[in-house]
C-alpha atoms as a PDB file:
ATOM      1  CA  UNK A   1      52.859  26.709 -28.290  1.00  0.00           C
ATOM      2  CA  UNK A   2      49.652  27.410 -30.486  1.00  0.00           C
ATOM      3  CA  UNK A   3      49.298  23.563 -30.701  1.00  0.00           C
ATOM      4  CA  UNK A   4      49.446  22.758 -27.717  1.00  0.00           C
ATOM      5  CA  UNK A   5      47.002  25.275 -26.288  1.00  0.00           C
ATOM      6  CA  UNK A   6      44.683  24.149 -28.944  1.00  0.00           C
ATOM      7  CA  UNK A   7      44.985  20.408 -27.989  1.00  0.00           C
ATOM      8  CA  UNK A   8      44.477  21.576 -24.258  1.00  0.00           C
ATOM      9  CA  UNK A   9      41.138  23.545 -25.218  1.00  0.00           C
ATOM     10  CA  UNK A  10      40.066  20.486 -27.095  1.00  0.00           C
ATOM     11  CA  UNK A  11      40.630  18.329 -23.854  1.00  0.00           C
ATOM     12  CA  UNK A  12      38.428  20.995 -21.680  1.00  0.00           C
ATOM     13  CA  UNK A  13      35.785  20.732 -24.515  1.00  0.00           C
ATOM     14  CA  UNK A  14      35.620  16.851 -23.635  1.00  0.00           C
ATOM     15  CA  UNK A  15      35.454  17.261 -19.944  1.00  0.00           C
ATOM     16  CA  UNK A  16      32.911  20.055 -20.263  1.00  0.00           C
ATOM     17  CA  UNK A  17      30.872  17.889 -22.573  1.00  0.00           C
ATOM     18  CA  UNK A  18      31.230  15.120 -19.998  1.00  0.00           C
ATOM     19  CA  UNK A  19      29.897  17.229 -17.177  1.00  0.00           C
ATOM     20  CA  UNK A  20      27.094  18.842 -19.160  1.00  0.00           C
ATOM     21  CA  UNK A  21      26.345  14.964 -19.679  1.00  0.00           C
ATOM     22  CA  UNK A  22      26.204  14.297 -16.054  1.00  0.00           C
ATOM     23  CA  UNK A  23      24.198  16.854 -14.957  1.00  0.00           C
ATOM     24  CA  UNK A  24      21.763  16.516 -17.444  1.00  0.00           C
ATOM     25  CA  UNK A  25      21.303  12.738 -16.412  1.00  0.00           C
ATOM     26  CA  UNK A  26      21.275  13.591 -12.621  1.00  0.00           C
ATOM     27  CA  UNK A  27      18.555  16.511 -13.572  1.00  0.00           C
ATOM     28  CA  UNK A  28      16.719  13.804 -15.300  1.00  0.00           C
ATOM     29  CA  UNK A  29      16.511  11.632 -12.286  1.00  0.00           C
ATOM     30  CA  UNK A  30      15.644  14.198  -9.842  1.00  0.00           C
ATOM     31  CA  UNK A  31      12.902  15.456 -12.717  1.00  0.00           C
ATOM     32  CA  UNK A  32      11.464  11.740 -12.438  1.00  0.00           C
ATOM     33  CA  UNK A  33      11.652  11.226  -8.447  1.00  0.00           C
ATOM     34  CA  UNK A  34       9.617  14.632  -8.408  1.00  0.00           C
ATOM     35  CA  UNK A  35       7.129  13.871 -10.359  1.00  0.00           C
ATOM     36  CA  UNK A  36       6.660   9.950  -8.690  1.00  0.00           C
ATOM     37  CA  UNK A  37       6.876  11.885  -5.391  1.00  0.00           C
ATOM     38  CA  UNK A  38       4.005  14.238  -6.275  1.00  0.00           C
ATOM     39  CA  UNK A  39       1.705  11.486  -7.487  1.00  0.00           C
ATOM     40  CA  UNK A  40       2.551   9.691  -4.092  1.00  0.00           C
ATOM     41  CA  UNK A  41       1.952  12.587  -1.834  1.00  0.00           C
ATOM     42  CA  UNK A  42      -1.478  13.344  -4.011  1.00  0.00           C
ATOM     43  CA  UNK A  43      -2.478   9.737  -3.430  1.00  0.00           C
ATOM     44  CA  UNK A  44      -2.000   9.835   0.454  1.00  0.00           C
ATOM     45  CA  UNK A  45      -3.757  13.485   1.125  1.00  0.00           C
ATOM     46  CA  UNK A  46      -7.040  11.999  -0.906  1.00  0.00           C
ATOM     47  CA  UNK A  47      -7.099   9.052   1.021  1.00  0.00           C
ATOM     48  CA  UNK A  48      -6.393  10.801   4.330  1.00  0.00           C
ATOM     49  CA  UNK A  49      -9.295  13.336   3.342  1.00  0.00           C
ATOM     50  CA  UNK A  50     -11.555  10.069   2.699  1.00  0.00           C
ATOM     51  CA  UNK A  51     -10.794   8.776   6.016  1.00  0.00           C
ATOM     52  CA  UNK A  52     -11.804  11.922   7.819  1.00  0.00           C
ATOM     53  CA  UNK A  53     -14.988  12.220   5.881  1.00  0.00           C
ATOM     54  CA  UNK A  54     -16.112   8.505   6.499  1.00  0.00           C
ATOM     55  CA  UNK A  55     -15.542   9.213  10.290  1.00  0.00           C
ATOM     56  CA  UNK A  56     -17.598  12.662  10.348  1.00  0.00           C
ATOM     57  CA  UNK A  57     -20.492  10.997   8.425  1.00  0.00           C
ATOM     58  CA  UNK A  58     -20.561   8.254  11.203  1.00  0.00           C
ATOM     59  CA  UNK A  59     -20.413  10.326  13.922  1.00  0.00           C
ATOM     60  CA  UNK A  60     -23.373  12.457  12.331  1.00  0.00           C
ATOM     61  CA  UNK A  61     -25.710   9.151  11.953  1.00  0.00           C
ATOM     62  CA  UNK A  62     -24.961   8.338  15.662  1.00  0.00           C
ATOM     63  CA  UNK A  63     -25.779  11.902  17.097  1.00  0.00           C
ATOM     64  CA  UNK A  64     -29.337  11.683  14.940  1.00  0.00           C
ATOM     65  CA  UNK A  65     -30.313   8.307  16.336  1.00  0.00           C
ATOM     66  CA  UNK A  66     -29.366   9.491  19.983  1.00  0.00           C
ATOM     67  CA  UNK A  67     -31.608  12.431  19.714  1.00  0.00           C
ATOM     68  CA  UNK A  68     -34.252  10.759  18.350  1.00  0.00           C
ATOM     69  CA  UNK A  69     -34.258   8.153  20.673  1.00  0.00           C
ATOM     70  CA  UNK A  70     -34.097  10.561  24.016  1.00  0.00           C
ATOM     71  CA  UNK A  71     -36.247  13.362  22.745  1.00  0.00           C
ATOM     72  CA  UNK A  72     -39.429  11.270  23.472  1.00  0.00           C
ATOM     73  CA  UNK A  73     -38.283  11.800  27.517  1.00  0.00           C
ATOM     74  CA  UNK A  74     -36.941  15.428  27.475  1.00  0.00           C
ATOM     75  CA  UNK A  75     -39.263  17.106  24.908  1.00  0.00           C
ATOM     76  CA  UNK A  76     -39.424  20.889  25.762  1.00  0.00           C
ATOM     77  CA  UNK A  77     -35.839  21.155  27.689  1.00  0.00           C
ATOM     78  CA  UNK A  78     -32.960  22.439  26.079  1.00  0.00           C
ATOM     79  CA  UNK A  79     -30.227  19.923  25.773  1.00  0.00           C
ATOM     80  CA  UNK A  80     -26.385  19.675  24.324  1.00  0.00           C
ATOM     81  CA  UNK A  81     -25.258  16.567  23.298  1.00  0.00           C
ATOM     82  CA  UNK A  82     -21.969  14.852  22.518  1.00  0.00           C
ATOM     83  CA  UNK A  83     -20.898  12.023  20.644  1.00  0.00           C
ATOM     84  CA  UNK A  84     -17.403   9.806  20.879  1.00  0.00           C
ATOM     85  CA  UNK A  85     -16.610  10.242  24.574  1.00  0.00           C
ATOM     86  CA  UNK A  86     -14.304   8.663  26.974  1.00  0.00           C
ATOM     87  CA  UNK A  87     -15.454   7.814  30.279  1.00  0.00           C
ATOM     88  CA  UNK A  88     -13.498   6.334  33.184  1.00  0.00           C
ATOM     89  CA  UNK A  89     -14.490   5.923  36.876  1.00  0.00           C
ATOM     90  CA  UNK A  90     -14.353   3.779  40.148  1.00  0.00           C
ATOM     91  CA  UNK A  91     -17.764   2.623  41.134  1.00  0.00           C
ATOM     92  CA  UNK A  92     -19.789   5.735  42.494  1.00  0.00           C
ATOM     93  CA  UNK A  93     -18.873   8.454  40.063  1.00  0.00           C
ATOM     94  CA  UNK A  94     -17.354   8.290  36.494  1.00  0.00           C
ATOM     95  CA  UNK A  95     -15.585  11.240  34.806  1.00  0.00           C
ATOM     96  CA  UNK A  96     -16.639  11.747  31.242  1.00  0.00           C
ATOM     97  CA  UNK A  97     -14.886  13.710  28.670  1.00  0.00           C
ATOM     98  CA  UNK A  98     -16.129  14.339  24.993  1.00  0.00           C
ATOM     99  CA  UNK A  99     -14.311  16.206  22.030  1.00  0.00           C
ATOM    100  CA  UNK A 100     -16.278  19.509  20.662  1.00  0.00           C
ATOM    101  CA  UNK A 101     -16.581  21.017  17.257  1.00  0.00           C
ATOM    102  CA  UNK A 102     -15.260  24.233  18.822  1.00  0.00           C
ATOM    103  CA  UNK A 103     -11.895  22.889  19.923  1.00  0.00           C
ATOM    104  CA  UNK A 104     -12.440  22.581  23.584  1.00  0.00           C
ATOM    105  CA  UNK A 105     -13.477  19.617  25.857  1.00  0.00           C
ATOM    106  CA  UNK A 106     -16.732  19.135  27.560  1.00  0.00           C
ATOM    107  CA  UNK A 107     -15.972  17.295  30.780  1.00  0.00           C
ATOM    108  CA  UNK A 108     -18.342  16.616  33.683  1.00  0.00           C
ATOM    109  CA  UNK A 109     -18.376  14.053  36.508  1.00  0.00           C
ATOM    110  CA  UNK A 110     -21.541  12.202  36.898  1.00  0.00           C
ATOM    111  CA  UNK A 111     -23.179   9.570  39.263  1.00  0.00           C
ATOM    112  CA  UNK A 112     -22.205   6.547  37.715  1.00  0.00           C
ATOM    113  CA  UNK A 113     -25.184   4.013  36.646  1.00  0.00           C
ATOM    114  CA  UNK A 114     -25.141   0.883  38.210  1.00  0.00           C
ATOM    115  CA  UNK A 115     -26.266  -0.927  35.391  1.00  0.00           C
ATOM    116  CA  UNK A 116     -23.145   0.340  33.361  1.00  0.00           C
ATOM    117  CA  UNK A 117     -21.042  -0.493  36.041  1.00  0.00           C
ATOM    118  CA  UNK A 118     -22.212  -4.001  36.472  1.00  0.00           C
ATOM    119  CA  UNK A 119     -21.023  -4.594  32.976  1.00  0.00           C
ATOM    120  CA  UNK A 120     -17.631  -4.608  33.764  1.00  0.00           C
ATOM    121  CA  UNK A 121     -15.546  -6.780  36.515  1.00  0.00           C
ATOM    122  CA  UNK A 122     -13.969  -4.477  38.097  1.00  0.00           C
ATOM    123  CA  UNK A 123     -15.079  -1.464  39.918  1.00  0.00           C
ATOM    124  CA  UNK A 124     -12.514   0.539  38.140  1.00  0.00           C
ATOM    125  CA  UNK A 125     -13.195   1.100  34.226  1.00  0.00           C
ATOM    126  CA  UNK A 126     -12.738   2.943  31.083  1.00  0.00           C
ATOM    127  CA  UNK A 127     -15.013   2.852  28.350  1.00  0.00           C
ATOM    128  CA  UNK A 128     -14.952   4.452  25.082  1.00  0.00           C
ATOM    129  CA  UNK A 129     -17.737   5.508  22.501  1.00  0.00           C
ATOM    130  CA  UNK A 130     -20.142   6.758  25.129  1.00  0.00           C
ATOM    131  CA  UNK A 131     -22.525   9.390  23.944  1.00  0.00           C
ATOM    132  CA  UNK A 132     -23.660  12.257  26.389  1.00  0.00           C
ATOM    133  CA  UNK A 133     -26.870  14.380  26.471  1.00  0.00           C
ATOM    134  CA  UNK A 134     -27.166  16.975  28.907  1.00  0.00           C
ATOM    135  CA  UNK A 135     -30.162  18.571  29.672  1.00  0.00           C
ATOM    136  CA  UNK A 136     -30.865  21.659  31.267  1.00  0.00           C
ATOM    137  CA  UNK A 137     -33.054  20.232  34.507  1.00  0.00           C
ATOM    138  CA  UNK A 138     -29.416  18.793  35.699  1.00  0.00           C
ATOM    139  CA  UNK A 139     -30.196  15.535  33.970  1.00  0.00           C
ATOM    140  CA  UNK A 140     -27.984  13.703  32.087  1.00  0.00           C
ATOM    141  CA  UNK A 141     -28.384  10.427  29.788  1.00  0.00           C
ATOM    142  CA  UNK A 142     -25.817   8.448  28.399  1.00  0.00           C
ATOM    143  CA  UNK A 143     -25.750   5.939  25.603  1.00  0.00           C
ATOM    144  CA  UNK A 144     -23.397   2.844  25.284  1.00  0.00           C
ATOM    145  CA  UNK A 145     -23.515  -0.062  23.133  1.00  0.00           C
ATOM    146  CA  UNK A 146     -27.275   1.052  22.306  1.00  0.00           C
ATOM    147  CA  UNK A 147     -28.309   0.637  25.767  1.00  0.00           C
ATOM    148  CA  UNK A 148     -29.667   4.264  27.733  1.00  0.00           C
ATOM    149  CA  UNK A 149     -28.678   5.312  31.094  1.00  0.00           C
ATOM    150  CA  UNK A 150     -30.274   8.194  33.141  1.00  0.00           C
ATOM    151  CA  UNK A 151     -27.953   9.845  35.702  1.00  0.00           C
ATOM    152  CA  UNK A 152     -26.983  13.163  37.346  1.00  0.00           C
ATOM    153  CA  UNK A 153     -23.880  15.072  38.233  1.00  0.00           C
ATOM    154  CA  UNK A 154     -22.272  13.490  41.120  1.00  0.00           C
ATOM    155  CA  UNK A 155     -22.395  16.751  43.391  1.00  0.00           C
ATOM    156  CA  UNK A 156     -26.580  16.581  43.043  1.00  0.00           C
END
């Protein structure tokens, strides 16, 4: 009996060694996947923030250009300016929606400048990339494709 017990113990050791080798192999494979995954996630995050920073720089350049062009007309009036706005309308009025740096959205209903409306084949239009400057006297200046349009609020 002692021999059988001893043989059984040796067989257990062989099974335990094979099991340990499988666990080591699995652990090594998981370690390699973890390291590769870490680098992939790092590259994705760096590219995302680079893209975000490039878009911010473009917006700052646009905002500076508009402010310089329009400051000649309204030198002493206080104003608020918004970039990268969306406008949609149907001939006489247009609704402008702009993102702000504070998390909320600027929205106004304006009288549609006829010169701007005439650029579209339909009376119903939707355009992106408009910049808006609202002055304290109630006048509003829009810029779209390097053209400047003066308008006012629709209720006025």
